Amino acid sequence: MSLFEALKKLFVPAPRPLRPYHGLRERSVQCIGPHGLHRMAYTEWGDPANPHVVVCVHGLTRNGRDFDFLAQALAEEFRVVCPDVVGRGRSDWLGVKADYGFPLYVADMITLIARLNVDTVQWVGTSMGGIIGMLIASQPHTPIGRLVLNDVGPVITAASLRRIGQYVGTAPKFASMAEAEAYIRTVSEPFGKLTDAQWHHLTVHSVRPVEGGFAMIYDPAIGDAFRLNPLVMDVDLWQVYDAISCPTLAIRGAQSDLLEPPVHRAMAERGPHARIVEVEGVGHAPMLMDPAQIGLVRDFLREGVKAA
């Protein structure tokens, strides 16, 4: 080996991967609502300098840690951001409970996207998170360039909302984590067949310690709207859906009571003409923890990077 080659080996650093892996980071952003400021927490995965950003938003009583399995699988290729919608997870609870609703949730997400300092994001939304995504994607100059709707669409059945209303905000205090997990397995049975490790993961991030045990990690007041104003008719969001033009993937749990088969099929024929897929053995909603479900979402999101 020549002297030059020896010196080069000593002083020239080895090549680094273009997108080095970065694990979970917990952050928050300050948002404003009708009655003041509140803090929205989020987890972030992947290279913080990666311009390819995926925002994953959870369902009504869930939180951003639901997406840990998906985020880990995506983190080498994407910057993945998983917020806790206000009133859930590590985010603040609102002082004025009537402020809980989609106008505030949409405004908070726009604030979050501004914090991320990117012009466009890809969006993965489960149930409520999908509705927030539809509302943003339907707007002129939307920052959403690609949309995954996980078991939600332009018609929300009244029956499913009544079912959800039976348990939202009514969970008891749990004496132990085992008791909490048994409850979560029961109310979340439509999630389908999860491993013991996955159920434990959901439980750990679904409860908070309180005096004498554990309680759910969301504000019980988010369920008030379901009980004070029970719906007798389905919610129709076709006007919103028809205004969406970005590439869209619509996933349905084959036994879902929230997204009915005729609506799911119609999503392929109207608005963004979504690519539709059904997941067998699951109701409301697929948890995107299974490798096949993760692969489905990842392949769709990769297409957005190739098209950029």
C-alpha atoms as a PDB file:
ATOM      1  CA  MET A   1       0.000   0.000   0.000  1.00  0.00           C
ATOM      2  CA  SER A   2       1.406   3.397  -0.978  1.00  0.00           C
ATOM      3  CA  LEU A   3       1.851   6.234   1.517  1.00  0.00           C
ATOM      4  CA  PHE A   4      -0.939   8.184  -0.241  1.00  0.00           C
ATOM      5  CA  GLU A   5      -3.362   5.242   0.055  1.00  0.00           C
ATOM      6  CA  ALA A   6      -2.489   4.776   3.706  1.00  0.00           C
ATOM      7  CA  LEU A   7      -3.113   8.445   4.498  1.00  0.00           C
ATOM      8  CA  LYS A   8      -6.377   8.402   2.540  1.00  0.00           C
ATOM      9  CA  LYS A   9      -7.601   5.418   4.530  1.00  0.00           C
ATOM     10  CA  LEU A  10      -6.785   7.211   7.780  1.00  0.00           C
ATOM     11  CA  PHE A  11      -8.272  10.610   7.042  1.00  0.00           C
ATOM     12  CA  VAL A  12     -11.127  10.068   4.588  1.00  0.00           C
ATOM     13  CA  PRO A  13     -14.295   9.079   6.468  1.00  0.00           C
ATOM     14  CA  ALA A  14     -16.237   6.041   5.358  1.00  0.00           C
ATOM     15  CA  PRO A  15     -19.363   6.784   3.285  1.00  0.00           C
ATOM     16  CA  ARG A  16     -22.478   7.320   5.370  1.00  0.00           C
ATOM     17  CA  PRO A  17     -25.924   6.132   4.348  1.00  0.00           C
ATOM     18  CA  LEU A  18     -27.946   8.808   2.568  1.00  0.00           C
ATOM     19  CA  ARG A  19     -30.851   8.450   5.026  1.00  0.00           C
ATOM     20  CA  PRO A  20     -29.370   7.322   8.372  1.00  0.00           C
ATOM     21  CA  TYR A  21     -31.849   5.677  10.702  1.00  0.00           C
ATOM     22  CA  HIS A  22     -33.108   7.747  13.619  1.00  0.00           C
ATOM     23  CA  GLY A  23     -35.326   6.208  16.287  1.00  0.00           C
ATOM     24  CA  LEU A  24     -38.356   7.629  18.006  1.00  0.00           C
ATOM     25  CA  ARG A  25     -38.250  11.243  19.177  1.00  0.00           C
ATOM     26  CA  GLU A  26     -40.976  12.798  21.357  1.00  0.00           C
ATOM     27  CA  ARG A  27     -41.821  16.397  20.529  1.00  0.00           C
ATOM     28  CA  SER A  28     -44.737  18.829  20.752  1.00  0.00           C
ATOM     29  CA  VAL A  29     -46.087  21.893  18.976  1.00  0.00           C
ATOM     30  CA  GLN A  30     -48.093  24.806  20.359  1.00  0.00           C
ATOM     31  CA  CYS A  31     -51.507  25.269  18.728  1.00  0.00           C
ATOM     32  CA  ILE A  32     -54.337  27.744  19.243  1.00  0.00           C
ATOM     33  CA  GLY A  33     -58.060  27.160  19.480  1.00  0.00           C
ATOM     34  CA  PRO A  34     -61.148  29.235  20.222  1.00  0.00           C
ATOM     35  CA  HIS A  35     -60.301  29.442  23.926  1.00  0.00           C
ATOM     36  CA  GLY A  36     -56.540  29.715  24.005  1.00  0.00           C
ATOM     37  CA  LEU A  37     -53.355  27.760  23.462  1.00  0.00           C
ATOM     38  CA  HIS A  38     -52.845  24.037  23.822  1.00  0.00           C
ATOM     39  CA  ARG A  39     -49.947  21.677  23.256  1.00  0.00           C
ATOM     40  CA  MET A  40     -50.142  18.835  20.720  1.00  0.00           C
ATOM     41  CA  ALA A  41     -47.598  16.065  21.241  1.00  0.00           C
ATOM     42  CA  TYR A  42     -46.187  13.902  18.478  1.00  0.00           C
ATOM     43  CA  THR A  43     -43.602  11.209  17.914  1.00  0.00           C
ATOM     44  CA  GLU A  44     -41.171  11.458  15.034  1.00  0.00           C
ATOM     45  CA  TRP A  45     -39.192   8.695  13.336  1.00  0.00           C
ATOM     46  CA  GLY A  46     -36.521   8.680  10.648  1.00  0.00           C
ATOM     47  CA  ASP A  47     -34.116  11.322   9.410  1.00  0.00           C
ATOM     48  CA  PRO A  48     -35.406  14.786  10.451  1.00  0.00           C
ATOM     49  CA  ALA A  49     -33.860  16.219   7.275  1.00  0.00           C
ATOM     50  CA  ASN A  50     -35.688  13.801   4.979  1.00  0.00           C
ATOM     51  CA  PRO A  51     -38.066  15.814   2.750  1.00  0.00           C
ATOM     52  CA  HIS A  52     -40.317  12.772   2.282  1.00  0.00           C
ATOM     53  CA  VAL A  53     -42.692  13.106   5.237  1.00  0.00           C
ATOM     54  CA  VAL A  54     -45.532  10.794   6.248  1.00  0.00           C
ATOM     55  CA  VAL A  55     -48.083  12.006   8.816  1.00  0.00           C
ATOM     56  CA  CYS A  56     -50.006   9.210  10.564  1.00  0.00           C
ATOM     57  CA  VAL A  57     -53.164  10.146  12.476  1.00  0.00           C
ATOM     58  CA  HIS A  58     -55.075   7.803  14.749  1.00  0.00           C
ATOM     59  CA  GLY A  59     -58.708   7.032  15.527  1.00  0.00           C
ATOM     60  CA  LEU A  60     -61.093   8.602  18.030  1.00  0.00           C
ATOM     61  CA  THR A  61     -59.813   7.150  21.318  1.00  0.00           C
ATOM     62  CA  ARG A  62     -56.376   6.071  20.171  1.00  0.00           C
ATOM     63  CA  ASN A  63     -53.022   7.896  19.978  1.00  0.00           C
ATOM     64  CA  GLY A  64     -49.950   8.212  17.798  1.00  0.00           C
ATOM     65  CA  ARG A  65     -48.165   5.232  19.355  1.00  0.00           C
ATOM     66  CA  ASP A  66     -50.567   2.979  17.442  1.00  0.00           C
ATOM     67  CA  PHE A  67     -48.282   3.586  14.456  1.00  0.00           C
ATOM     68  CA  ASP A  68     -45.006   2.487  16.082  1.00  0.00           C
ATOM     69  CA  PHE A  69     -44.813  -0.715  14.020  1.00  0.00           C
ATOM     70  CA  LEU A  70     -45.586   1.076  10.751  1.00  0.00           C
ATOM     71  CA  ALA A  71     -43.266   3.978  11.580  1.00  0.00           C
ATOM     72  CA  GLN A  72     -40.331   1.690  12.344  1.00  0.00           C
ATOM     73  CA  ALA A  73     -40.844  -0.051   9.003  1.00  0.00           C
ATOM     74  CA  LEU A  74     -40.945   3.283   7.144  1.00  0.00           C
ATOM     75  CA  ALA A  75     -38.211   5.151   9.021  1.00  0.00           C
ATOM     76  CA  GLU A  76     -35.337   4.221   6.694  1.00  0.00           C
ATOM     77  CA  GLU A  77     -37.143   5.807   3.749  1.00  0.00           C
ATOM     78  CA  PHE A  78     -39.398   8.474   5.300  1.00  0.00           C
ATOM     79  CA  ARG A  79     -39.608  10.968   8.108  1.00  0.00           C
ATOM     80  CA  VAL A  80     -42.687   9.692   9.946  1.00  0.00           C
ATOM     81  CA  VAL A  81     -44.683  11.972  12.262  1.00  0.00           C
ATOM     82  CA  CYS A  82     -47.431  10.572  14.481  1.00  0.00           C
ATOM     83  CA  PRO A  83     -49.398  13.207  16.450  1.00  0.00           C
ATOM     84  CA  ASP A  84     -51.613  12.661  19.470  1.00  0.00           C
ATOM     85  CA  VAL A  85     -54.767  14.559  18.545  1.00  0.00           C
ATOM     86  CA  VAL A  86     -55.589  17.033  21.302  1.00  0.00           C
ATOM     87  CA  GLY A  87     -57.283  15.332  24.262  1.00  0.00           C
ATOM     88  CA  ARG A  88     -55.400  12.089  23.641  1.00  0.00           C
ATOM     89  CA  GLY A  89     -52.034  10.573  24.498  1.00  0.00           C
ATOM     90  CA  ARG A  90     -49.464  13.119  25.693  1.00  0.00           C
ATOM     91  CA  SER A  91     -51.373  16.095  24.267  1.00  0.00           C
ATOM     92  CA  ASP A  92     -53.231  18.612  26.426  1.00  0.00           C
ATOM     93  CA  TRP A  93     -56.866  18.194  27.383  1.00  0.00           C
ATOM     94  CA  LEU A  94     -59.030  21.152  26.449  1.00  0.00           C
ATOM     95  CA  GLY A  95     -60.586  23.305  29.135  1.00  0.00           C
ATOM     96  CA  VAL A  96     -63.682  23.994  27.031  1.00  0.00           C
ATOM     97  CA  LYS A  97     -64.868  20.546  26.001  1.00  0.00           C
ATOM     98  CA  ALA A  98     -67.116  21.829  23.230  1.00  0.00           C
ATOM     99  CA  ASP A  99     -63.941  22.752  21.310  1.00  0.00           C
ATOM    100  CA  TYR A 100     -63.242  19.077  20.576  1.00  0.00           C
ATOM    101  CA  GLY A 101     -64.127  18.641  16.932  1.00  0.00           C
ATOM    102  CA  PHE A 102     -62.841  18.569  13.367  1.00  0.00           C
ATOM    103  CA  PRO A 103     -62.379  22.348  12.872  1.00  0.00           C
ATOM    104  CA  LEU A 104     -59.835  22.384  15.715  1.00  0.00           C
ATOM    105  CA  TYR A 105     -58.239  19.077  14.696  1.00  0.00           C
ATOM    106  CA  VAL A 106     -57.713  20.323  11.133  1.00  0.00           C
ATOM    107  CA  ALA A 107     -56.246  23.631  12.338  1.00  0.00           C
ATOM    108  CA  ASP A 108     -53.854  21.772  14.663  1.00  0.00           C
ATOM    109  CA  MET A 109     -52.625  19.560  11.833  1.00  0.00           C
ATOM    110  CA  ILE A 110     -51.945  22.552   9.600  1.00  0.00           C
ATOM    111  CA  THR A 111     -49.895  24.036  12.440  1.00  0.00           C
ATOM    112  CA  LEU A 112     -47.991  20.753  12.745  1.00  0.00           C
ATOM    113  CA  ILE A 113     -47.260  20.595   9.015  1.00  0.00           C
ATOM    114  CA  ALA A 114     -45.961  24.169   9.168  1.00  0.00           C
ATOM    115  CA  ARG A 115     -43.623  23.100  11.990  1.00  0.00           C
ATOM    116  CA  LEU A 116     -42.294  20.260   9.808  1.00  0.00           C
ATOM    117  CA  ASN A 117     -41.120  22.827   7.235  1.00  0.00           C
ATOM    118  CA  VAL A 118     -42.155  20.863   4.141  1.00  0.00           C
ATOM    119  CA  ASP A 119     -44.522  21.816   1.342  1.00  0.00           C
ATOM    120  CA  THR A 120     -46.193  18.416   0.984  1.00  0.00           C
ATOM    121  CA  VAL A 121     -46.788  15.343   3.110  1.00  0.00           C
ATOM    122  CA  GLN A 122     -48.217  11.907   2.597  1.00  0.00           C
ATOM    123  CA  TRP A 123     -51.081  11.146   4.994  1.00  0.00           C
ATOM    124  CA  VAL A 124     -52.123   7.897   6.680  1.00  0.00           C
ATOM    125  CA  GLY A 125     -55.367   8.282   8.611  1.00  0.00           C
ATOM    126  CA  THR A 126     -57.231   5.644  10.592  1.00  0.00           C
ATOM    127  CA  SER A 127     -60.934   6.344  11.160  1.00  0.00           C
ATOM    128  CA  MET A 128     -61.030   9.872  12.670  1.00  0.00           C
ATOM    129  CA  GLY A 129     -57.523  10.461  11.339  1.00  0.00           C
ATOM    130  CA  GLY A 130     -58.793   9.618   7.868  1.00  0.00           C
ATOM    131  CA  ILE A 131     -61.638  12.121   8.171  1.00  0.00           C
ATOM    132  CA  ILE A 132     -59.147  14.823   9.169  1.00  0.00           C
ATOM    133  CA  GLY A 133     -57.088  13.823   6.142  1.00  0.00           C
ATOM    134  CA  MET A 134     -60.086  14.026   3.802  1.00  0.00           C
ATOM    135  CA  LEU A 135     -60.993  17.477   5.103  1.00  0.00           C
ATOM    136  CA  ILE A 136     -57.466  18.750   4.474  1.00  0.00           C
ATOM    137  CA  ALA A 137     -56.985  16.940   1.150  1.00  0.00           C
ATOM    138  CA  SER A 138     -60.238  18.415  -0.201  1.00  0.00           C
ATOM    139  CA  GLN A 139     -58.964  21.986   0.207  1.00  0.00           C
ATOM    140  CA  PRO A 140     -57.417  24.062  -2.586  1.00  0.00           C
ATOM    141  CA  HIS A 141     -53.605  24.173  -2.234  1.00  0.00           C
ATOM    142  CA  THR A 142     -53.706  21.178   0.123  1.00  0.00           C
ATOM    143  CA  PRO A 143     -50.351  20.045   1.516  1.00  0.00           C
ATOM    144  CA  ILE A 144     -51.414  16.394   1.216  1.00  0.00           C
ATOM    145  CA  GLY A 145     -49.890  14.834  -1.877  1.00  0.00           C
ATOM    146  CA  ARG A 146     -50.945  11.242  -1.232  1.00  0.00           C
ATOM    147  CA  LEU A 147     -53.674   9.887   1.057  1.00  0.00           C
ATOM    148  CA  VAL A 148     -54.247   6.564   2.822  1.00  0.00           C
ATOM    149  CA  LEU A 149     -57.735   6.164   4.310  1.00  0.00           C
ATOM    150  CA  ASN A 150     -57.757   3.292   6.779  1.00  0.00           C
ATOM    151  CA  ASP A 151     -61.296   1.976   7.257  1.00  0.00           C
ATOM    152  CA  VAL A 152     -63.047   5.271   6.747  1.00  0.00           C
ATOM    153  CA  GLY A 153     -64.747   6.946   3.816  1.00  0.00           C
ATOM    154  CA  PRO A 154     -67.345   9.500   2.788  1.00  0.00           C
ATOM    155  CA  VAL A 155     -70.213   7.768   4.616  1.00  0.00           C
ATOM    156  CA  ILE A 156     -69.956   7.044   8.352  1.00  0.00           C
ATOM    157  CA  THR A 157     -72.690   4.720   9.545  1.00  0.00           C
ATOM    158  CA  ALA A 158     -74.845   5.824  12.457  1.00  0.00           C
ATOM    159  CA  ALA A 159     -74.735   2.261  13.800  1.00  0.00           C
ATOM    160  CA  SER A 160     -70.952   2.331  14.106  1.00  0.00           C
ATOM    161  CA  LEU A 161     -71.035   5.706  15.850  1.00  0.00           C
ATOM    162  CA  ARG A 162     -73.604   4.407  18.336  1.00  0.00           C
ATOM    163  CA  ARG A 163     -71.336   1.413  19.035  1.00  0.00           C
ATOM    164  CA  ILE A 164     -68.347   3.682  19.596  1.00  0.00           C
ATOM    165  CA  GLY A 165     -70.434   5.945  21.819  1.00  0.00           C
ATOM    166  CA  GLN A 166     -71.137   3.049  24.168  1.00  0.00           C
ATOM    167  CA  TYR A 167     -67.533   2.931  25.367  1.00  0.00           C
ATOM    168  CA  VAL A 168     -65.960   6.333  24.618  1.00  0.00           C
ATOM    169  CA  GLY A 169     -65.325   8.066  27.930  1.00  0.00           C
ATOM    170  CA  THR A 170     -67.027   5.356  29.964  1.00  0.00           C
ATOM    171  CA  ALA A 171     -64.030   3.122  30.699  1.00  0.00           C
ATOM    172  CA  PRO A 172     -63.583   2.205  34.359  1.00  0.00           C
ATOM    173  CA  LYS A 173     -60.438   2.627  36.423  1.00  0.00           C
ATOM    174  CA  PHE A 174     -58.220  -0.467  36.194  1.00  0.00           C
ATOM    175  CA  ALA A 175     -56.543  -1.982  39.225  1.00  0.00           C
ATOM    176  CA  SER A 176     -53.720  -3.451  37.149  1.00  0.00           C
ATOM    177  CA  MET A 177     -52.217  -3.467  33.662  1.00  0.00           C
ATOM    178  CA  ALA A 178     -53.598  -6.970  33.177  1.00  0.00           C
ATOM    179  CA  GLU A 179     -57.102  -5.674  33.876  1.00  0.00           C
ATOM    180  CA  ALA A 180     -56.548  -2.790  31.462  1.00  0.00           C
ATOM    181  CA  GLU A 181     -55.370  -5.134  28.729  1.00  0.00           C
ATOM    182  CA  ALA A 182     -58.393  -7.394  29.195  1.00  0.00           C
ATOM    183  CA  TYR A 183     -60.666  -4.365  28.712  1.00  0.00           C
ATOM    184  CA  ILE A 184     -58.785  -3.110  25.654  1.00  0.00           C
ATOM    185  CA  ARG A 185     -58.857  -6.568  24.060  1.00  0.00           C
ATOM    186  CA  THR A 186     -62.632  -6.613  24.537  1.00  0.00           C
ATOM    187  CA  VAL A 187     -63.550  -3.163  23.218  1.00  0.00           C
ATOM    188  CA  SER A 188     -60.946  -3.420  20.453  1.00  0.00           C
ATOM    189  CA  GLU A 189     -61.862  -6.918  19.298  1.00  0.00           C
ATOM    190  CA  PRO A 190     -62.651  -5.612  15.758  1.00  0.00           C
ATOM    191  CA  PHE A 191     -58.914  -4.855  15.354  1.00  0.00           C
ATOM    192  CA  GLY A 192     -58.570  -8.523  14.486  1.00  0.00           C
ATOM    193  CA  LYS A 193     -56.003 -11.097  15.509  1.00  0.00           C
ATOM    194  CA  LEU A 194     -53.051  -9.331  17.126  1.00  0.00           C
ATOM    195  CA  THR A 195     -50.123 -10.938  18.881  1.00  0.00           C
ATOM    196  CA  ASP A 196     -49.798 -10.805  22.668  1.00  0.00           C
ATOM    197  CA  ALA A 197     -46.912  -8.366  22.211  1.00  0.00           C
ATOM    198  CA  GLN A 198     -49.071  -6.097  20.053  1.00  0.00           C
ATOM    199  CA  TRP A 199     -51.950  -6.118  22.533  1.00  0.00           C
ATOM    200  CA  HIS A 200     -49.480  -5.309  25.295  1.00  0.00           C
ATOM    201  CA  HIS A 201     -48.051  -2.444  23.226  1.00  0.00           C
ATOM    202  CA  LEU A 202     -51.518  -0.984  22.676  1.00  0.00           C
ATOM    203  CA  THR A 203     -52.316  -1.303  26.373  1.00  0.00           C
ATOM    204  CA  VAL A 204     -49.103   0.304  27.633  1.00  0.00           C
ATOM    205  CA  HIS A 205     -49.742   3.348  25.452  1.00  0.00           C
ATOM    206  CA  SER A 206     -53.502   3.469  26.077  1.00  0.00           C
ATOM    207  CA  VAL A 207     -53.505   4.018  29.840  1.00  0.00           C
ATOM    208  CA  ARG A 208     -52.009   6.431  32.358  1.00  0.00           C
ATOM    209  CA  PRO A 209     -51.304   5.878  36.059  1.00  0.00           C
ATOM    210  CA  VAL A 210     -53.844   7.386  38.447  1.00  0.00           C
ATOM    211  CA  GLU A 211     -54.398   7.002  42.152  1.00  0.00           C
ATOM    212  CA  GLY A 212     -55.318   3.389  42.795  1.00  0.00           C
ATOM    213  CA  GLY A 213     -54.522   2.061  39.345  1.00  0.00           C
ATOM    214  CA  PHE A 214     -54.775   3.101  35.700  1.00  0.00           C
ATOM    215  CA  ALA A 215     -57.186   5.027  33.469  1.00  0.00           C
ATOM    216  CA  MET A 216     -57.473   5.528  29.722  1.00  0.00           C
ATOM    217  CA  ILE A 217     -55.098   8.148  28.310  1.00  0.00           C
ATOM    218  CA  TYR A 218     -57.761  10.321  26.695  1.00  0.00           C
ATOM    219  CA  ASP A 219     -60.148  12.959  27.981  1.00  0.00           C
ATOM    220  CA  PRO A 220     -63.484  11.241  28.752  1.00  0.00           C
ATOM    221  CA  ALA A 221     -65.227  14.398  27.539  1.00  0.00           C
ATOM    222  CA  ILE A 222     -64.518  13.526  23.899  1.00  0.00           C
ATOM    223  CA  GLY A 223     -67.369  11.050  24.190  1.00  0.00           C
ATOM    224  CA  ASP A 224     -69.900  13.670  25.287  1.00  0.00           C
ATOM    225  CA  ALA A 225     -70.870  14.550  21.720  1.00  0.00           C
ATOM    226  CA  PHE A 226     -71.903  10.954  21.067  1.00  0.00           C
ATOM    227  CA  ARG A 227     -74.203  10.848  24.067  1.00  0.00           C
ATOM    228  CA  LEU A 228     -75.600  14.387  23.926  1.00  0.00           C
ATOM    229  CA  ASN A 229     -76.365  14.285  20.194  1.00  0.00           C
ATOM    230  CA  PRO A 230     -77.005  10.663  19.211  1.00  0.00           C
ATOM    231  CA  LEU A 231     -77.075  10.197  15.438  1.00  0.00           C
ATOM    232  CA  VAL A 232     -80.020   8.521  13.789  1.00  0.00           C
ATOM    233  CA  MET A 233     -78.709   8.946  10.232  1.00  0.00           C
ATOM    234  CA  ASP A 234     -75.415   8.186   8.526  1.00  0.00           C
ATOM    235  CA  VAL A 235     -72.894  11.022   8.127  1.00  0.00           C
ATOM    236  CA  ASP A 236     -72.498  11.941   4.441  1.00  0.00           C
ATOM    237  CA  LEU A 237     -69.130  13.388   3.375  1.00  0.00           C
ATOM    238  CA  TRP A 238     -69.356  12.721  -0.363  1.00  0.00           C
ATOM    239  CA  GLN A 239     -68.992  16.417  -1.163  1.00  0.00           C
ATOM    240  CA  VAL A 240     -65.694  16.435   0.703  1.00  0.00           C
ATOM    241  CA  TYR A 241     -64.491  13.203  -0.883  1.00  0.00           C
ATOM    242  CA  ASP A 242     -65.397  14.307  -4.400  1.00  0.00           C
ATOM    243  CA  ALA A 243     -63.180  17.389  -3.986  1.00  0.00           C
ATOM    244  CA  ILE A 244     -60.072  15.244  -3.364  1.00  0.00           C
ATOM    245  CA  SER A 245     -57.751  14.798  -6.323  1.00  0.00           C
ATOM    246  CA  CYS A 246     -54.551  13.311  -4.876  1.00  0.00           C
ATOM    247  CA  PRO A 247     -53.733   9.596  -5.273  1.00  0.00           C
ATOM    248  CA  THR A 248     -55.686   7.722  -2.601  1.00  0.00           C
ATOM    249  CA  LEU A 249     -55.585   4.238  -1.099  1.00  0.00           C
ATOM    250  CA  ALA A 250     -58.763   3.147   0.703  1.00  0.00           C
ATOM    251  CA  ILE A 251     -58.316   0.179   3.054  1.00  0.00           C
ATOM    252  CA  ARG A 252     -61.337  -1.564   4.546  1.00  0.00           C
ATOM    253  CA  GLY A 253     -61.566  -4.170   7.269  1.00  0.00           C
ATOM    254  CA  ALA A 254     -63.710  -6.898   5.722  1.00  0.00           C
ATOM    255  CA  GLN A 255     -66.027  -6.947   8.775  1.00  0.00           C
ATOM    256  CA  SER A 256     -66.117  -3.183   9.290  1.00  0.00           C
ATOM    257  CA  ASP A 257     -69.373  -1.624  10.464  1.00  0.00           C
ATOM    258  CA  LEU A 258     -68.120   1.911   9.784  1.00  0.00           C
ATOM    259  CA  LEU A 259     -67.170   1.631   6.097  1.00  0.00           C
ATOM    260  CA  GLU A 260     -69.750  -0.433   4.253  1.00  0.00           C
ATOM    261  CA  PRO A 261     -68.879  -2.398   1.071  1.00  0.00           C
ATOM    262  CA  PRO A 262     -71.025  -0.340  -1.368  1.00  0.00           C
ATOM    263  CA  VAL A 263     -69.401   2.890  -0.130  1.00  0.00           C
ATOM    264  CA  HIS A 264     -65.947   1.340  -0.361  1.00  0.00           C
ATOM    265  CA  ARG A 265     -66.563   0.246  -3.943  1.00  0.00           C
ATOM    266  CA  ALA A 266     -67.952   3.672  -4.868  1.00  0.00           C
ATOM    267  CA  MET A 267     -64.749   5.292  -3.580  1.00  0.00           C
ATOM    268  CA  ALA A 268     -62.979   3.773  -6.575  1.00  0.00           C
ATOM    269  CA  GLU A 269     -65.413   5.429  -8.977  1.00  0.00           C
ATOM    270  CA  ARG A 270     -65.724   8.954  -7.544  1.00  0.00           C
ATOM    271  CA  GLY A 271     -63.473  11.770  -6.351  1.00  0.00           C
ATOM    272  CA  PRO A 272     -59.845  10.620  -6.427  1.00  0.00           C
ATOM    273  CA  HIS A 273     -60.848   7.172  -7.782  1.00  0.00           C
ATOM    274  CA  ALA A 274     -59.157   5.441  -4.872  1.00  0.00           C
ATOM    275  CA  ARG A 275     -57.329   2.169  -5.082  1.00  0.00           C
ATOM    276  CA  ILE A 276     -59.413  -0.066  -2.816  1.00  0.00           C
ATOM    277  CA  VAL A 277     -58.245  -3.024  -0.729  1.00  0.00           C
ATOM    278  CA  GLU A 278     -59.996  -5.218   1.857  1.00  0.00           C
ATOM    279  CA  VAL A 279     -58.256  -6.834   4.822  1.00  0.00           C
ATOM    280  CA  GLU A 280     -59.777 -10.164   5.824  1.00  0.00           C
ATOM    281  CA  GLY A 281     -60.429 -11.101   9.431  1.00  0.00           C
ATOM    282  CA  VAL A 282     -60.623  -7.491  10.632  1.00  0.00           C
ATOM    283  CA  GLY A 283     -63.450  -5.112  11.472  1.00  0.00           C
ATOM    284  CA  HIS A 284     -62.935  -1.474  12.424  1.00  0.00           C
ATOM    285  CA  ALA A 285     -60.053  -0.982  11.953  1.00  0.00           C
ATOM    286  CA  PRO A 286     -56.876  -2.623  10.611  1.00  0.00           C
ATOM    287  CA  MET A 287     -54.087  -1.594  12.992  1.00  0.00           C
ATOM    288  CA  LEU A 288     -51.322  -1.570  10.360  1.00  0.00           C
ATOM    289  CA  MET A 289     -49.134  -3.745  12.579  1.00  0.00           C
ATOM    290  CA  ASP A 290     -49.261  -6.898  10.464  1.00  0.00           C
ATOM    291  CA  PRO A 291     -46.396  -7.167   7.914  1.00  0.00           C
ATOM    292  CA  ALA A 292     -48.852  -7.570   5.036  1.00  0.00           C
ATOM    293  CA  GLN A 293     -50.784  -4.435   6.044  1.00  0.00           C
ATOM    294  CA  ILE A 294     -47.529  -2.513   6.517  1.00  0.00           C
ATOM    295  CA  GLY A 295     -46.340  -3.633   3.094  1.00  0.00           C
ATOM    296  CA  LEU A 296     -49.561  -2.465   1.502  1.00  0.00           C
ATOM    297  CA  VAL A 297     -49.153   1.048   2.893  1.00  0.00           C
ATOM    298  CA  ARG A 298     -45.405   1.201   2.308  1.00  0.00           C
ATOM    299  CA  ASP A 299     -45.713   0.231  -1.361  1.00  0.00           C
ATOM    300  CA  PHE A 300     -48.317   2.941  -1.928  1.00  0.00           C
ATOM    301  CA  LEU A 301     -46.207   5.596  -0.200  1.00  0.00           C
ATOM    302  CA  ARG A 302     -43.108   4.593  -2.152  1.00  0.00           C
ATOM    303  CA  GLU A 303     -44.968   5.372  -5.356  1.00  0.00           C
ATOM    304  CA  GLY A 304     -45.272   8.951  -4.144  1.00  0.00           C
ATOM    305  CA  VAL A 305     -41.502   9.228  -3.726  1.00  0.00           C
ATOM    306  CA  LYS A 306     -40.881   7.838  -7.218  1.00  0.00           C
ATOM    307  CA  ALA A 307     -43.361  10.324  -8.682  1.00  0.00           C
ATOM    308  CA  ALA A 308     -41.757  13.302  -6.898  1.00  0.00           C
END
